[in-house]
């Protein structure tokens, strides 16, 4: 375990963790996050363009709330799989009683982040602690009796590294947003230039400033940045937990024994 990682090194390790993660990690994340983002886009579209928006407001809001709870549960399961990939420990989180415990704790605590995180951003200083706390609660699952307290203790661990990481993610998010915006902007004009395909997008430019388009790009940005943030907190949580359990030494010893066995094999 390295405690002197820079933010860039930690982000690189998180990317490597995602690269070697199996398909179930991405399946769980997509199954949880995509329905919520689609429900959010549908709500924004109905409230912006539907003449019967008032009648559909309640049902669309309920759909957002339900898909949000669904998303937080599956994201916690996704993080448990990421922990398994990083540590090699096989934990039976898929038992019905444990799944229900994780899901219920996520539903109970994660909605608080919708109110606490904006306040933390206004105050600037505690945003690293607050963001890390809710991410850690997703990583740990919350099924344990001390997971909430442990999430806060891990969030306060290595504060310089944590603030540097979230500063870089905050910088990366708008860069990714404008990159996606530029790609979408270039598609219709590229088709017109190369293939001569004319459309309303090349004749009328008001769609470039459509609130729904900006929200859609924002949801894709969230989808990508949030998965990276969870991988980062998986590494931080596992390394922080190893300070008291020594699991990183056990993993390193097992790896050395496997390498030695492979060298001795004929």
C-alpha atoms as a PDB file:
ATOM      1  CA  UNK A   1       0.000   0.000   0.000  1.00  0.00           C
ATOM      2  CA  UNK A   2       1.303   3.422  -0.943  1.00  0.00           C
ATOM      3  CA  UNK A   3       0.278   6.428   1.119  1.00  0.00           C
ATOM      4  CA  UNK A   4       2.320   8.914  -0.923  1.00  0.00           C
ATOM      5  CA  UNK A   5       0.326   8.661  -4.145  1.00  0.00           C
ATOM      6  CA  UNK A   6      -0.301  11.857  -6.018  1.00  0.00           C
ATOM      7  CA  UNK A   7      -3.764  12.555  -7.343  1.00  0.00           C
ATOM      8  CA  UNK A   8      -2.713  11.756 -10.913  1.00  0.00           C
ATOM      9  CA  UNK A   9      -1.222   8.414  -9.877  1.00  0.00           C
ATOM     10  CA  UNK A  10      -4.404   7.518  -7.990  1.00  0.00           C
ATOM     11  CA  UNK A  11      -6.565   8.406 -10.987  1.00  0.00           C
ATOM     12  CA  UNK A  12      -4.313   6.311 -13.229  1.00  0.00           C
ATOM     13  CA  UNK A  13      -4.640   3.349 -10.856  1.00  0.00           C
ATOM     14  CA  UNK A  14      -8.423   3.778 -10.852  1.00  0.00           C
ATOM     15  CA  UNK A  15      -8.458   3.715 -14.654  1.00  0.00           C
ATOM     16  CA  UNK A  16      -6.366   0.544 -14.616  1.00  0.00           C
ATOM     17  CA  UNK A  17      -8.795  -0.980 -12.115  1.00  0.00           C
ATOM     18  CA  UNK A  18     -11.713  -0.215 -14.441  1.00  0.00           C
ATOM     19  CA  UNK A  19      -9.814  -1.618 -17.425  1.00  0.00           C
ATOM     20  CA  UNK A  20      -9.306  -5.006 -15.777  1.00  0.00           C
ATOM     21  CA  UNK A  21     -12.793  -5.145 -14.266  1.00  0.00           C
ATOM     22  CA  UNK A  22     -15.099  -7.860 -15.636  1.00  0.00           C
ATOM     23  CA  UNK A  23     -18.356  -7.269 -17.468  1.00  0.00           C
ATOM     24  CA  UNK A  24     -20.600  -7.609 -14.355  1.00  0.00           C
ATOM     25  CA  UNK A  25     -19.107  -4.394 -12.945  1.00  0.00           C
ATOM     26  CA  UNK A  26     -20.210  -2.383 -15.977  1.00  0.00           C
ATOM     27  CA  UNK A  27     -23.497  -4.277 -16.250  1.00  0.00           C
ATOM     28  CA  UNK A  28     -24.449  -3.423 -12.666  1.00  0.00           C
ATOM     29  CA  UNK A  29     -23.447   0.206 -13.105  1.00  0.00           C
ATOM     30  CA  UNK A  30     -25.330   0.565 -16.398  1.00  0.00           C
ATOM     31  CA  UNK A  31     -28.429  -1.226 -15.107  1.00  0.00           C
ATOM     32  CA  UNK A  32     -28.553   1.158 -12.180  1.00  0.00           C
ATOM     33  CA  UNK A  33     -27.485   4.475 -13.665  1.00  0.00           C
ATOM     34  CA  UNK A  34     -29.012   4.464 -17.161  1.00  0.00           C
ATOM     35  CA  UNK A  35     -32.680   4.151 -16.038  1.00  0.00           C
ATOM     36  CA  UNK A  36     -32.252   7.104 -13.674  1.00  0.00           C
ATOM     37  CA  UNK A  37     -30.623   9.279 -16.332  1.00  0.00           C
ATOM     38  CA  UNK A  38     -33.350   8.394 -18.837  1.00  0.00           C
ATOM     39  CA  UNK A  39     -36.053   9.205 -16.280  1.00  0.00           C
ATOM     40  CA  UNK A  40     -34.347  12.533 -15.586  1.00  0.00           C
ATOM     41  CA  UNK A  41     -34.168  13.359 -19.304  1.00  0.00           C
ATOM     42  CA  UNK A  42     -37.797  12.374 -19.741  1.00  0.00           C
ATOM     43  CA  UNK A  43     -38.803  14.627 -16.844  1.00  0.00           C
ATOM     44  CA  UNK A  44     -36.861  17.583 -18.269  1.00  0.00           C
ATOM     45  CA  UNK A  45     -38.342  17.013 -21.748  1.00  0.00           C
ATOM     46  CA  UNK A  46     -41.900  16.816 -20.451  1.00  0.00           C
ATOM     47  CA  UNK A  47     -41.549  19.867 -18.227  1.00  0.00           C
ATOM     48  CA  UNK A  48     -39.984  21.868 -21.082  1.00  0.00           C
ATOM     49  CA  UNK A  49     -42.072  20.911 -24.125  1.00  0.00           C
ATOM     50  CA  UNK A  50     -45.201  19.010 -23.098  1.00  0.00           C
ATOM     51  CA  UNK A  51     -48.351  21.098 -22.914  1.00  0.00           C
ATOM     52  CA  UNK A  52     -49.705  18.690 -20.280  1.00  0.00           C
ATOM     53  CA  UNK A  53     -46.625  19.010 -18.106  1.00  0.00           C
ATOM     54  CA  UNK A  54     -48.637  19.847 -15.008  1.00  0.00           C
ATOM     55  CA  UNK A  55     -50.563  16.594 -15.208  1.00  0.00           C
ATOM     56  CA  UNK A  56     -47.435  14.481 -15.707  1.00  0.00           C
ATOM     57  CA  UNK A  57     -45.245  16.234 -13.172  1.00  0.00           C
ATOM     58  CA  UNK A  58     -46.153  14.012 -10.207  1.00  0.00           C
ATOM     59  CA  UNK A  59     -45.784  10.710 -12.057  1.00  0.00           C
ATOM     60  CA  UNK A  60     -42.475  11.764 -13.614  1.00  0.00           C
ATOM     61  CA  UNK A  61     -41.135  12.907 -10.242  1.00  0.00           C
ATOM     62  CA  UNK A  62     -42.086   9.560  -8.686  1.00  0.00           C
ATOM     63  CA  UNK A  63     -40.309   7.775 -11.545  1.00  0.00           C
ATOM     64  CA  UNK A  64     -37.161   9.804 -10.851  1.00  0.00           C
ATOM     65  CA  UNK A  65     -37.319   8.989  -7.136  1.00  0.00           C
ATOM     66  CA  UNK A  66     -37.787   5.265  -7.746  1.00  0.00           C
ATOM     67  CA  UNK A  67     -35.029   5.049 -10.345  1.00  0.00           C
ATOM     68  CA  UNK A  68     -32.726   7.016  -8.021  1.00  0.00           C
ATOM     69  CA  UNK A  69     -33.220   4.421  -5.281  1.00  0.00           C
ATOM     70  CA  UNK A  70     -32.708   1.683  -7.853  1.00  0.00           C
ATOM     71  CA  UNK A  71     -29.510   3.348  -9.061  1.00  0.00           C
ATOM     72  CA  UNK A  72     -27.964   3.719  -5.612  1.00  0.00           C
ATOM     73  CA  UNK A  73     -28.565   0.072  -4.780  1.00  0.00           C
ATOM     74  CA  UNK A  74     -26.988  -1.249  -7.971  1.00  0.00           C
ATOM     75  CA  UNK A  75     -24.098   1.189  -7.728  1.00  0.00           C
ATOM     76  CA  UNK A  76     -23.342  -0.228  -4.274  1.00  0.00           C
ATOM     77  CA  UNK A  77     -23.342  -3.746  -5.748  1.00  0.00           C
ATOM     78  CA  UNK A  78     -21.069  -2.512  -8.541  1.00  0.00           C
ATOM     79  CA  UNK A  79     -18.624  -1.166  -5.958  1.00  0.00           C
ATOM     80  CA  UNK A  80     -18.655  -4.473  -4.085  1.00  0.00           C
ATOM     81  CA  UNK A  81     -17.532  -6.125  -7.332  1.00  0.00           C
ATOM     82  CA  UNK A  82     -14.831  -3.485  -7.778  1.00  0.00           C
ATOM     83  CA  UNK A  83     -13.607  -4.242  -4.263  1.00  0.00           C
ATOM     84  CA  UNK A  84     -13.453  -7.929  -5.189  1.00  0.00           C
ATOM     85  CA  UNK A  85     -11.390  -7.119  -8.287  1.00  0.00           C
ATOM     86  CA  UNK A  86      -9.001  -4.879  -6.335  1.00  0.00           C
ATOM     87  CA  UNK A  87      -8.530  -7.074  -3.260  1.00  0.00           C
ATOM     88  CA  UNK A  88      -9.330 -10.554  -4.546  1.00  0.00           C
ATOM     89  CA  UNK A  89     -11.639 -11.175  -1.592  1.00  0.00           C
ATOM     90  CA  UNK A  90     -14.824 -13.022  -2.530  1.00  0.00           C
ATOM     91  CA  UNK A  91     -17.651 -11.658  -0.383  1.00  0.00           C
ATOM     92  CA  UNK A  92     -21.139 -13.081  -0.747  1.00  0.00           C
ATOM     93  CA  UNK A  93     -22.970  -9.777  -0.990  1.00  0.00           C
ATOM     94  CA  UNK A  94     -25.525 -11.330  -3.347  1.00  0.00           C
ATOM     95  CA  UNK A  95     -27.365 -13.122  -0.537  1.00  0.00           C
ATOM     96  CA  UNK A  96     -30.934 -11.738  -0.359  1.00  0.00           C
ATOM     97  CA  UNK A  97     -30.719 -10.550   3.250  1.00  0.00           C
ATOM     98  CA  UNK A  98     -27.402  -8.756   2.678  1.00  0.00           C
ATOM     99  CA  UNK A  99     -28.609  -7.234  -0.590  1.00  0.00           C
ATOM    100  CA  UNK A 100     -31.675  -5.888   1.175  1.00  0.00           C
ATOM    101  CA  UNK A 101     -29.541  -4.504   4.013  1.00  0.00           C
ATOM    102  CA  UNK A 102     -27.261  -2.700   1.537  1.00  0.00           C
ATOM    103  CA  UNK A 103     -30.151  -1.394  -0.523  1.00  0.00           C
ATOM    104  CA  UNK A 104     -32.146  -0.123   2.452  1.00  0.00           C
ATOM    105  CA  UNK A 105     -29.131   1.669   3.923  1.00  0.00           C
ATOM    106  CA  UNK A 106     -28.371   3.316   0.568  1.00  0.00           C
ATOM    107  CA  UNK A 107     -31.975   4.478   0.245  1.00  0.00           C
ATOM    108  CA  UNK A 108     -31.862   5.875   3.774  1.00  0.00           C
ATOM    109  CA  UNK A 109     -28.625   7.869   3.496  1.00  0.00           C
ATOM    110  CA  UNK A 110     -27.829   8.662  -0.140  1.00  0.00           C
ATOM    111  CA  UNK A 111     -30.773  11.083  -0.728  1.00  0.00           C
ATOM    112  CA  UNK A 112     -29.295  13.296   1.978  1.00  0.00           C
ATOM    113  CA  UNK A 113     -26.429  13.945  -0.406  1.00  0.00           C
ATOM    114  CA  UNK A 114     -28.793  15.773  -2.756  1.00  0.00           C
ATOM    115  CA  UNK A 115     -29.069  18.517  -0.120  1.00  0.00           C
ATOM    116  CA  UNK A 116     -25.721  18.310   1.689  1.00  0.00           C
ATOM    117  CA  UNK A 117     -23.457  18.247  -1.396  1.00  0.00           C
ATOM    118  CA  UNK A 118     -24.718  21.586  -2.847  1.00  0.00           C
ATOM    119  CA  UNK A 119     -24.226  23.210   0.567  1.00  0.00           C
ATOM    120  CA  UNK A 120     -20.705  21.785   0.707  1.00  0.00           C
ATOM    121  CA  UNK A 121     -19.962  23.209  -2.749  1.00  0.00           C
ATOM    122  CA  UNK A 122     -21.120  26.627  -1.564  1.00  0.00           C
ATOM    123  CA  UNK A 123     -18.797  26.445   1.425  1.00  0.00           C
ATOM    124  CA  UNK A 124     -16.002  24.995  -0.814  1.00  0.00           C
ATOM    125  CA  UNK A 125     -13.833  23.665   2.023  1.00  0.00           C
ATOM    126  CA  UNK A 126     -15.818  20.571   3.157  1.00  0.00           C
ATOM    127  CA  UNK A 127     -16.752  19.400  -0.351  1.00  0.00           C
ATOM    128  CA  UNK A 128     -13.926  16.863  -0.453  1.00  0.00           C
ATOM    129  CA  UNK A 129     -14.972  15.295   2.830  1.00  0.00           C
ATOM    130  CA  UNK A 130     -18.678  15.271   1.966  1.00  0.00           C
ATOM    131  CA  UNK A 131     -18.220  13.830  -1.522  1.00  0.00           C
ATOM    132  CA  UNK A 132     -15.827  11.180  -0.233  1.00  0.00           C
ATOM    133  CA  UNK A 133     -18.215  10.242   2.588  1.00  0.00           C
ATOM    134  CA  UNK A 134     -21.128   9.464   0.272  1.00  0.00           C
ATOM    135  CA  UNK A 135     -18.866   7.638  -2.170  1.00  0.00           C
ATOM    136  CA  UNK A 136     -17.380   5.611   0.694  1.00  0.00           C
ATOM    137  CA  UNK A 137     -20.852   4.716   1.910  1.00  0.00           C
ATOM    138  CA  UNK A 138     -21.557   3.354  -1.559  1.00  0.00           C
ATOM    139  CA  UNK A 139     -18.303   1.391  -1.548  1.00  0.00           C
ATOM    140  CA  UNK A 140     -18.795  -0.095   1.925  1.00  0.00           C
ATOM    141  CA  UNK A 141     -22.459  -0.808   1.240  1.00  0.00           C
ATOM    142  CA  UNK A 142     -23.744   0.329   4.615  1.00  0.00           C
ATOM    143  CA  UNK A 143     -24.883  -3.138   5.703  1.00  0.00           C
ATOM    144  CA  UNK A 144     -22.460  -3.186   8.645  1.00  0.00           C
ATOM    145  CA  UNK A 145     -23.287  -1.556  11.956  1.00  0.00           C
ATOM    146  CA  UNK A 146     -20.302   0.796  11.763  1.00  0.00           C
ATOM    147  CA  UNK A 147     -20.212   1.454   8.004  1.00  0.00           C
ATOM    148  CA  UNK A 148     -21.540   5.010   8.328  1.00  0.00           C
ATOM    149  CA  UNK A 149     -18.939   5.973  10.922  1.00  0.00           C
ATOM    150  CA  UNK A 150     -16.250   4.138   8.985  1.00  0.00           C
ATOM    151  CA  UNK A 151     -17.199   6.000   5.789  1.00  0.00           C
ATOM    152  CA  UNK A 152     -16.647   9.310   7.539  1.00  0.00           C
ATOM    153  CA  UNK A 153     -13.339   8.169   9.055  1.00  0.00           C
ATOM    154  CA  UNK A 154     -12.069   7.042   5.642  1.00  0.00           C
ATOM    155  CA  UNK A 155     -13.257  10.294   4.061  1.00  0.00           C
ATOM    156  CA  UNK A 156     -10.977  12.226   6.457  1.00  0.00           C
ATOM    157  CA  UNK A 157      -8.009   9.988   5.681  1.00  0.00           C
ATOM    158  CA  UNK A 158      -5.221  11.532   3.547  1.00  0.00           C
ATOM    159  CA  UNK A 159      -7.009  14.898   3.131  1.00  0.00           C
ATOM    160  CA  UNK A 160      -4.449  16.424   0.746  1.00  0.00           C
ATOM    161  CA  UNK A 161      -4.790  13.488  -1.621  1.00  0.00           C
ATOM    162  CA  UNK A 162      -8.590  13.580  -1.393  1.00  0.00           C
ATOM    163  CA  UNK A 163      -8.876  17.304  -2.103  1.00  0.00           C
ATOM    164  CA  UNK A 164      -6.392  17.038  -4.976  1.00  0.00           C
ATOM    165  CA  UNK A 165      -8.355  14.164  -6.539  1.00  0.00           C
ATOM    166  CA  UNK A 166     -11.706  15.918  -6.329  1.00  0.00           C
ATOM    167  CA  UNK A 167     -10.167  19.126  -7.624  1.00  0.00           C
ATOM    168  CA  UNK A 168      -8.915  17.269 -10.691  1.00  0.00           C
ATOM    169  CA  UNK A 169     -12.279  15.562 -11.171  1.00  0.00           C
ATOM    170  CA  UNK A 170     -13.998  18.949 -10.891  1.00  0.00           C
ATOM    171  CA  UNK A 171     -11.650  20.223 -13.597  1.00  0.00           C
ATOM    172  CA  UNK A 172     -12.088  17.111 -15.728  1.00  0.00           C
ATOM    173  CA  UNK A 173     -15.900  17.283 -15.693  1.00  0.00           C
ATOM    174  CA  UNK A 174     -16.294  20.585 -17.633  1.00  0.00           C
ATOM    175  CA  UNK A 175     -13.504  19.558 -20.026  1.00  0.00           C
ATOM    176  CA  UNK A 176     -15.341  16.314 -20.784  1.00  0.00           C
ATOM    177  CA  UNK A 177     -18.623  18.217 -21.077  1.00  0.00           C
ATOM    178  CA  UNK A 178     -17.280  20.604 -23.719  1.00  0.00           C
ATOM    179  CA  UNK A 179     -15.526  17.778 -25.553  1.00  0.00           C
ATOM    180  CA  UNK A 180     -18.817  15.888 -25.856  1.00  0.00           C
ATOM    181  CA  UNK A 181     -20.545  19.108 -26.886  1.00  0.00           C
ATOM    182  CA  UNK A 182     -17.942  19.694 -29.602  1.00  0.00           C
ATOM    183  CA  UNK A 183     -18.334  16.126 -30.917  1.00  0.00           C
ATOM    184  CA  UNK A 184     -22.124  16.458 -31.132  1.00  0.00           C
ATOM    185  CA  UNK A 185     -21.755  19.858 -32.774  1.00  0.00           C
ATOM    186  CA  UNK A 186     -19.394  18.506 -35.420  1.00  0.00           C
ATOM    187  CA  UNK A 187     -21.475  15.467 -36.445  1.00  0.00           C
ATOM    188  CA  UNK A 188     -24.136  17.179 -38.641  1.00  0.00           C
ATOM    189  CA  UNK A 189     -21.635  19.533 -40.264  1.00  0.00           C
ATOM    190  CA  UNK A 190     -19.234  16.650 -40.940  1.00  0.00           C
ATOM    191  CA  UNK A 191     -22.042  14.687 -42.618  1.00  0.00           C
ATOM    192  CA  UNK A 192     -22.898  17.718 -44.717  1.00  0.00           C
ATOM    193  CA  UNK A 193     -19.275  18.334 -45.713  1.00  0.00           C
ATOM    194  CA  UNK A 194     -18.397  14.708 -46.529  1.00  0.00           C
ATOM    195  CA  UNK A 195     -21.691  13.216 -47.724  1.00  0.00           C
ATOM    196  CA  UNK A 196     -23.775  16.258 -48.591  1.00  0.00           C
ATOM    197  CA  UNK A 197     -26.483  15.354 -46.050  1.00  0.00           C
ATOM    198  CA  UNK A 198     -28.523  18.451 -45.241  1.00  0.00           C
ATOM    199  CA  UNK A 199     -30.666  18.662 -42.115  1.00  0.00           C
ATOM    200  CA  UNK A 200     -32.309  21.250 -39.884  1.00  0.00           C
ATOM    201  CA  UNK A 201     -29.203  21.080 -37.674  1.00  0.00           C
ATOM    202  CA  UNK A 202     -27.103  22.670 -40.426  1.00  0.00           C
ATOM    203  CA  UNK A 203     -29.714  25.303 -41.267  1.00  0.00           C
ATOM    204  CA  UNK A 204     -30.962  26.348 -37.832  1.00  0.00           C
ATOM    205  CA  UNK A 205     -28.551  26.741 -34.940  1.00  0.00           C
ATOM    206  CA  UNK A 206     -30.994  27.153 -32.069  1.00  0.00           C
ATOM    207  CA  UNK A 207     -30.675  23.447 -31.185  1.00  0.00           C
ATOM    208  CA  UNK A 208     -27.115  24.111 -30.081  1.00  0.00           C
ATOM    209  CA  UNK A 209     -28.457  25.998 -27.056  1.00  0.00           C
ATOM    210  CA  UNK A 210     -31.315  23.641 -26.257  1.00  0.00           C
ATOM    211  CA  UNK A 211     -31.562  23.061 -22.486  1.00  0.00           C
ATOM    212  CA  UNK A 212     -32.452  19.423 -23.118  1.00  0.00           C
ATOM    213  CA  UNK A 213     -29.262  18.913 -25.157  1.00  0.00           C
ATOM    214  CA  UNK A 214     -27.132  20.485 -22.437  1.00  0.00           C
ATOM    215  CA  UNK A 215     -28.812  18.314 -19.793  1.00  0.00           C
ATOM    216  CA  UNK A 216     -28.256  15.207 -21.926  1.00  0.00           C
ATOM    217  CA  UNK A 217     -24.551  15.981 -22.273  1.00  0.00           C
ATOM    218  CA  UNK A 218     -24.411  16.659 -18.546  1.00  0.00           C
ATOM    219  CA  UNK A 219     -25.901  13.232 -17.780  1.00  0.00           C
ATOM    220  CA  UNK A 220     -23.311  11.504 -19.977  1.00  0.00           C
ATOM    221  CA  UNK A 221     -20.570  13.482 -18.228  1.00  0.00           C
ATOM    222  CA  UNK A 222     -21.931  12.404 -14.849  1.00  0.00           C
ATOM    223  CA  UNK A 223     -22.088   8.803 -16.038  1.00  0.00           C
ATOM    224  CA  UNK A 224     -18.389   8.761 -16.902  1.00  0.00           C
ATOM    225  CA  UNK A 225     -17.002  10.871 -14.051  1.00  0.00           C
ATOM    226  CA  UNK A 226     -19.021   9.137 -11.346  1.00  0.00           C
ATOM    227  CA  UNK A 227     -17.751   5.677 -12.319  1.00  0.00           C
ATOM    228  CA  UNK A 228     -14.165   6.945 -12.164  1.00  0.00           C
ATOM    229  CA  UNK A 229     -14.818   8.571  -8.774  1.00  0.00           C
ATOM    230  CA  UNK A 230     -16.171   5.290  -7.424  1.00  0.00           C
ATOM    231  CA  UNK A 231     -13.102   3.395  -8.622  1.00  0.00           C
ATOM    232  CA  UNK A 232     -10.906   5.976  -6.888  1.00  0.00           C
ATOM    233  CA  UNK A 233     -12.793   5.629  -3.621  1.00  0.00           C
ATOM    234  CA  UNK A 234     -12.633   1.838  -3.852  1.00  0.00           C
ATOM    235  CA  UNK A 235      -8.832   2.116  -3.864  1.00  0.00           C
ATOM    236  CA  UNK A 236      -8.807   4.691  -1.053  1.00  0.00           C
ATOM    237  CA  UNK A 237     -11.226   2.681   1.087  1.00  0.00           C
ATOM    238  CA  UNK A 238      -9.372  -0.598   0.649  1.00  0.00           C
ATOM    239  CA  UNK A 239      -6.002   1.021   1.360  1.00  0.00           C
ATOM    240  CA  UNK A 240      -7.384   2.890   4.349  1.00  0.00           C
ATOM    241  CA  UNK A 241      -8.908  -0.285   5.726  1.00  0.00           C
ATOM    242  CA  UNK A 242      -5.564  -2.045   5.295  1.00  0.00           C
ATOM    243  CA  UNK A 243      -3.993   0.313   7.832  1.00  0.00           C
ATOM    244  CA  UNK A 244      -5.753  -1.646  10.573  1.00  0.00           C
ATOM    245  CA  UNK A 245      -6.260  -5.082   8.980  1.00  0.00           C
ATOM    246  CA  UNK A 246      -3.030  -5.525   7.020  1.00  0.00           C
ATOM    247  CA  UNK A 247      -4.923  -7.056   4.099  1.00  0.00           C
ATOM    248  CA  UNK A 248      -2.604  -5.380   1.591  1.00  0.00           C
ATOM    249  CA  UNK A 249       0.342  -7.308   3.044  1.00  0.00           C
ATOM    250  CA  UNK A 250      -1.597 -10.562   2.779  1.00  0.00           C
ATOM    251  CA  UNK A 251      -2.418  -9.829  -0.859  1.00  0.00           C
ATOM    252  CA  UNK A 252       1.200  -8.963  -1.636  1.00  0.00           C
ATOM    253  CA  UNK A 253       2.459 -12.117   0.080  1.00  0.00           C
ATOM    254  CA  UNK A 254      -0.021 -14.251  -1.860  1.00  0.00           C
ATOM    255  CA  UNK A 255       1.112 -12.618  -5.110  1.00  0.00           C
ATOM    256  CA  UNK A 256       4.771 -13.313  -4.287  1.00  0.00           C
ATOM    257  CA  UNK A 257       3.976 -16.931  -3.473  1.00  0.00           C
ATOM    258  CA  UNK A 258       2.140 -17.325  -6.783  1.00  0.00           C
ATOM    259  CA  UNK A 259       5.071 -15.808  -8.658  1.00  0.00           C
ATOM    260  CA  UNK A 260       7.527 -18.093  -6.862  1.00  0.00           C
ATOM    261  CA  UNK A 261       5.375 -21.107  -7.634  1.00  0.00           C
ATOM    262  CA  UNK A 262       5.196 -20.133 -11.280  1.00  0.00           C
ATOM    263  CA  UNK A 263       8.991 -19.786 -11.476  1.00  0.00           C
ATOM    264  CA  UNK A 264       9.554 -23.192  -9.898  1.00  0.00           C
ATOM    265  CA  UNK A 265       7.043 -24.923 -12.143  1.00  0.00           C
ATOM    266  CA  UNK A 266       8.724 -26.994 -14.890  1.00  0.00           C
END
